[in-house]
Amino acid sequence: MRRFYDKDPEGYHRGMTSPVSEWMLGGRRRKVGEVVRGRVLDIGFGTGLSVPFYPQGVEIIGIDASAPMLRFGLRFAEKSGRTVTLAVMDAERLAFADNSFDSVAFNFCLCTIPDPGAAVTEALRVARPGAPMVFIEHVRSHIFPVGLFMDALNPVMVALEADHFNRRTEATVRAAGVKVESVERWFLGVFNLIVGHAPHD
């Protein structure tokens, strides 16, 4: 997975900021920015695609498995006039204290993290009680024939990009303990925006 993402951060960023990507994802990225507050942990920071959508005044701490992606992301954030703190880190083993973030955002990374349930559990550990938790991800479609197609395509995507094309992310998030408030599905259910919060107790 690191080899794939280390290879061409600039090309990845260019593709993810294309007019087609903006059409498909831009509106929901803005919604992510509307949810977060305070000290934000951005898991799957990558090349910093989420940065322009975060409100001024939040403190952005981003992690990713790929150092080259983060180096590109730091330059992109600086050009955007934003200050960020970045670290190469395993989302399944976060090097942060319990209850240390006001919000947590997952940005298109649960498809590549080996154990997504462990990553969400770790995010809950470092989130303060009641902290907003938001997930923008591609998932297995809830539409039966589309889901079957994604199941068939999944072995190819895993082999090429370490991308698990058919994960049931809403179920994973709920099972970890996130209190889900809303799920927005689009593009035949292939993309989900899941908004919730950490338990209050």
Protein backbone atom coordinates (compact mmCIF):
# COMPACT_ATOMS: atom_id res chain seq x y z
CA MET A 1 0.00 0.00 0.00
CA ARG A 2 2.80 2.43 0.86
CA ARG A 3 4.60 1.60 -2.40
CA PHE A 4 1.53 2.57 -4.39
CA TYR A 5 0.92 5.86 -2.59
CA ASP A 6 4.60 6.78 -2.27
CA LYS A 7 5.05 6.53 -6.04
CA ASP A 8 3.32 9.64 -7.39
CA PRO A 9 1.71 12.00 -4.85
CA GLU A 10 1.52 14.80 -7.41
CA GLY A 11 -0.34 12.60 -9.91
CA TYR A 12 -2.71 11.40 -7.19
CA HIS A 13 -3.42 14.97 -6.12
CA ARG A 14 -3.97 16.08 -9.71
CA GLY A 15 -6.46 13.29 -10.29
CA MET A 16 -8.33 13.96 -7.06
CA THR A 17 -8.66 17.67 -7.83
CA SER A 18 -9.88 17.19 -11.41
CA PRO A 19 -13.26 18.67 -12.43
CA VAL A 20 -14.81 15.19 -12.30
CA SER A 21 -13.52 14.58 -8.75
CA GLU A 22 -14.72 18.01 -7.67
CA TRP A 23 -18.15 17.27 -9.13
CA MET A 24 -18.37 13.92 -7.34
CA LEU A 25 -16.76 14.80 -4.02
CA GLY A 26 -16.44 18.56 -3.50
CA GLY A 27 -19.84 19.12 -1.93
CA ARG A 28 -19.36 16.33 0.58
CA ARG A 29 -15.84 17.48 1.47
CA ARG A 30 -17.44 20.82 2.35
CA LYS A 31 -19.86 18.99 4.63
CA VAL A 32 -16.91 17.36 6.41
CA GLY A 33 -15.60 20.85 7.08
CA GLU A 34 -18.96 21.86 8.51
CA VAL A 35 -18.85 19.00 11.03
CA VAL A 36 -15.37 19.37 12.54
CA ARG A 37 -14.34 21.77 15.28
CA GLY A 38 -11.44 22.54 17.60
CA ARG A 39 -8.47 20.20 17.46
CA VAL A 40 -9.05 17.95 14.44
CA LEU A 41 -7.38 14.61 13.74
CA ASP A 42 -7.38 14.02 9.98
CA ILE A 43 -6.77 10.32 9.35
CA GLY A 44 -5.68 9.66 5.78
CA PHE A 45 -4.43 13.23 5.30
CA GLY A 46 -2.62 12.24 2.11
CA THR A 47 -1.85 15.25 -0.08
CA GLY A 48 -4.03 17.58 1.98
CA LEU A 49 -7.18 17.43 -0.14
CA SER A 50 -9.37 18.13 2.88
CA VAL A 51 -7.48 21.24 4.01
CA PRO A 52 -9.32 23.88 1.91
CA PHE A 53 -12.64 22.70 3.32
CA TYR A 54 -11.77 22.97 7.01
CA PRO A 55 -12.93 26.16 8.74
CA GLN A 56 -10.43 28.78 9.81
CA GLY A 57 -9.52 28.45 13.45
CA VAL A 58 -9.41 24.67 13.71
CA GLU A 59 -6.11 23.02 14.59
CA ILE A 60 -5.33 20.37 11.96
CA ILE A 61 -3.25 17.33 12.88
CA GLY A 62 -2.91 14.95 9.94
CA ILE A 63 -1.56 11.42 9.78
CA ASP A 64 -0.88 9.08 6.88
CA ALA A 65 1.13 5.94 6.15
CA SER A 66 2.96 7.61 3.23
CA ALA A 67 5.75 10.11 3.92
CA PRO A 68 5.89 11.39 0.29
CA MET A 69 2.14 12.07 0.37
CA LEU A 70 2.55 14.05 3.58
CA ARG A 71 5.46 16.06 2.19
CA PHE A 72 3.29 17.04 -0.77
CA GLY A 73 0.40 17.73 1.61
CA LEU A 74 2.52 20.05 3.73
CA ARG A 75 3.50 22.10 0.69
CA PHE A 76 -0.12 22.21 -0.48
CA ALA A 77 -1.32 23.36 2.96
CA GLU A 78 1.33 26.08 3.07
CA LYS A 79 0.29 27.32 -0.39
CA SER A 80 -3.28 27.36 0.86
CA GLY A 81 -2.23 29.56 3.78
CA ARG A 82 -2.99 26.89 6.39
CA THR A 83 -0.86 25.60 9.23
CA VAL A 84 -0.91 21.83 9.77
CA THR A 85 0.97 19.33 11.94
CA LEU A 86 1.69 16.08 10.10
CA ALA A 87 3.10 12.69 11.07
CA VAL A 88 3.66 9.32 9.46
CA MET A 89 1.61 7.02 11.64
CA ASP A 90 -0.29 3.75 11.66
CA ALA A 91 -4.00 4.51 12.08
CA GLU A 92 -4.40 1.24 13.98
CA ARG A 93 -1.85 2.36 16.62
CA LEU A 94 -2.17 6.10 17.15
CA ALA A 95 0.62 7.77 19.14
CA PHE A 96 -1.75 10.18 20.88
CA ALA A 97 -3.13 10.32 24.40
CA ASP A 98 -6.69 9.33 25.22
CA ASN A 99 -9.35 12.05 24.83
CA SER A 100 -7.03 14.48 23.02
CA PHE A 101 -9.07 15.54 19.95
CA ASP A 102 -12.26 17.59 19.57
CA SER A 103 -13.08 16.00 16.17
CA VAL A 104 -11.90 13.12 13.99
CA ALA A 105 -12.21 12.91 10.19
CA PHE A 106 -11.46 9.85 8.07
CA ASN A 107 -10.76 10.78 4.45
CA PHE A 108 -10.87 7.90 1.94
CA CYS A 109 -8.57 5.66 3.94
CA LEU A 110 -10.65 2.90 5.54
CA CYS A 111 -10.55 1.13 2.17
CA THR A 112 -6.76 0.66 2.46
CA ILE A 113 -6.19 0.33 6.21
CA PRO A 114 -5.66 -3.41 6.89
CA ASP A 115 -7.97 -3.50 9.94
CA PRO A 116 -10.52 -0.66 9.62
CA GLY A 117 -12.28 -1.66 12.83
CA ALA A 118 -9.07 -1.25 14.80
CA ALA A 119 -8.50 2.18 13.23
CA VAL A 120 -11.99 3.40 14.20
CA THR A 121 -11.55 2.01 17.72
CA GLU A 122 -8.26 3.90 18.05
CA ALA A 123 -9.94 7.07 16.76
CA LEU A 124 -12.59 6.71 19.45
CA ARG A 125 -9.89 6.31 22.07
CA VAL A 126 -8.22 9.60 21.19
CA ALA A 127 -11.51 11.49 20.68
CA ARG A 128 -13.04 13.42 23.54
CA PRO A 129 -16.49 12.28 24.74
CA GLY A 130 -19.13 13.46 22.28
CA ALA A 131 -16.53 14.53 19.67
CA PRO A 132 -17.82 14.69 16.07
CA MET A 133 -16.66 11.75 13.96
CA VAL A 134 -17.00 12.02 10.19
CA PHE A 135 -16.13 9.51 7.48
CA ILE A 136 -16.03 10.20 3.74
CA GLU A 137 -15.30 6.87 2.08
CA HIS A 138 -15.99 4.68 -0.90
CA VAL A 139 -17.80 1.52 0.19
CA ARG A 140 -19.68 -1.53 -1.04
CA SER A 141 -22.87 -0.23 -2.61
CA HIS A 142 -26.16 -1.01 -0.88
CA ILE A 143 -27.67 -1.55 -4.35
CA PHE A 144 -27.54 -5.33 -4.85
CA PRO A 145 -26.23 -5.65 -8.45
CA VAL A 146 -23.71 -2.84 -7.93
CA GLY A 147 -22.51 -4.50 -4.74
CA LEU A 148 -22.06 -7.81 -6.54
CA PHE A 149 -20.01 -6.10 -9.25
CA MET A 150 -17.82 -4.51 -6.57
CA ASP A 151 -17.34 -7.92 -4.91
CA ALA A 152 -16.14 -9.32 -8.24
CA LEU A 153 -13.80 -6.36 -8.83
CA ASN A 154 -12.38 -6.33 -5.31
CA PRO A 155 -9.53 -8.89 -5.78
CA VAL A 156 -8.22 -6.87 -8.75
CA MET A 157 -8.32 -3.58 -6.81
CA VAL A 158 -6.58 -5.12 -3.82
CA ALA A 159 -3.84 -6.54 -6.05
CA LEU A 160 -3.32 -3.27 -7.96
CA GLU A 161 -3.76 -0.62 -5.26
CA ALA A 162 -4.29 -2.40 -1.91
CA ASP A 163 -7.78 -0.89 -2.19
CA HIS A 164 -10.59 -2.94 -0.67
CA PHE A 165 -13.41 -1.99 -2.98
CA ASN A 166 -16.29 -3.63 -1.13
CA ARG A 167 -15.96 -2.80 2.56
CA ARG A 168 -19.14 -2.30 4.59
CA THR A 169 -17.89 0.80 6.32
CA GLU A 170 -21.10 1.90 8.00
CA ALA A 171 -21.34 -1.46 9.78
CA THR A 172 -17.67 -1.22 10.80
CA VAL A 173 -18.13 2.28 12.21
CA ARG A 174 -21.23 1.28 14.18
CA ALA A 175 -19.62 -1.90 15.51
CA ALA A 176 -16.63 0.08 16.81
CA GLY A 177 -18.97 2.23 18.91
CA VAL A 178 -19.47 5.43 16.91
CA LYS A 179 -22.96 6.89 17.44
CA VAL A 180 -24.03 7.36 13.82
CA GLU A 181 -26.33 10.32 13.17
CA SER A 182 -26.62 10.26 9.38
CA VAL A 183 -25.44 8.38 6.30
CA GLU A 184 -25.50 10.09 2.91
CA ARG A 185 -25.06 7.83 -0.11
CA TRP A 186 -24.39 8.91 -3.68
CA PHE A 187 -23.06 7.66 -7.02
CA LEU A 188 -25.13 4.45 -6.78
CA GLY A 189 -24.14 4.06 -3.14
CA VAL A 190 -20.43 3.71 -3.94
CA PHE A 191 -19.63 6.79 -1.82
CA ASN A 192 -20.81 7.40 1.73
CA LEU A 193 -20.61 10.37 4.06
CA ILE A 194 -21.13 9.03 7.58
CA VAL A 195 -21.56 11.58 10.37
CA GLY A 196 -21.63 10.63 14.03
CA HIS A 197 -19.98 11.26 17.36
CA ALA A 198 -17.98 9.52 20.05
CA PRO A 199 -20.03 8.23 22.99
CA HIS A 200 -20.59 10.79 25.74
CA ASP A 201 -19.66 8.38 28.53
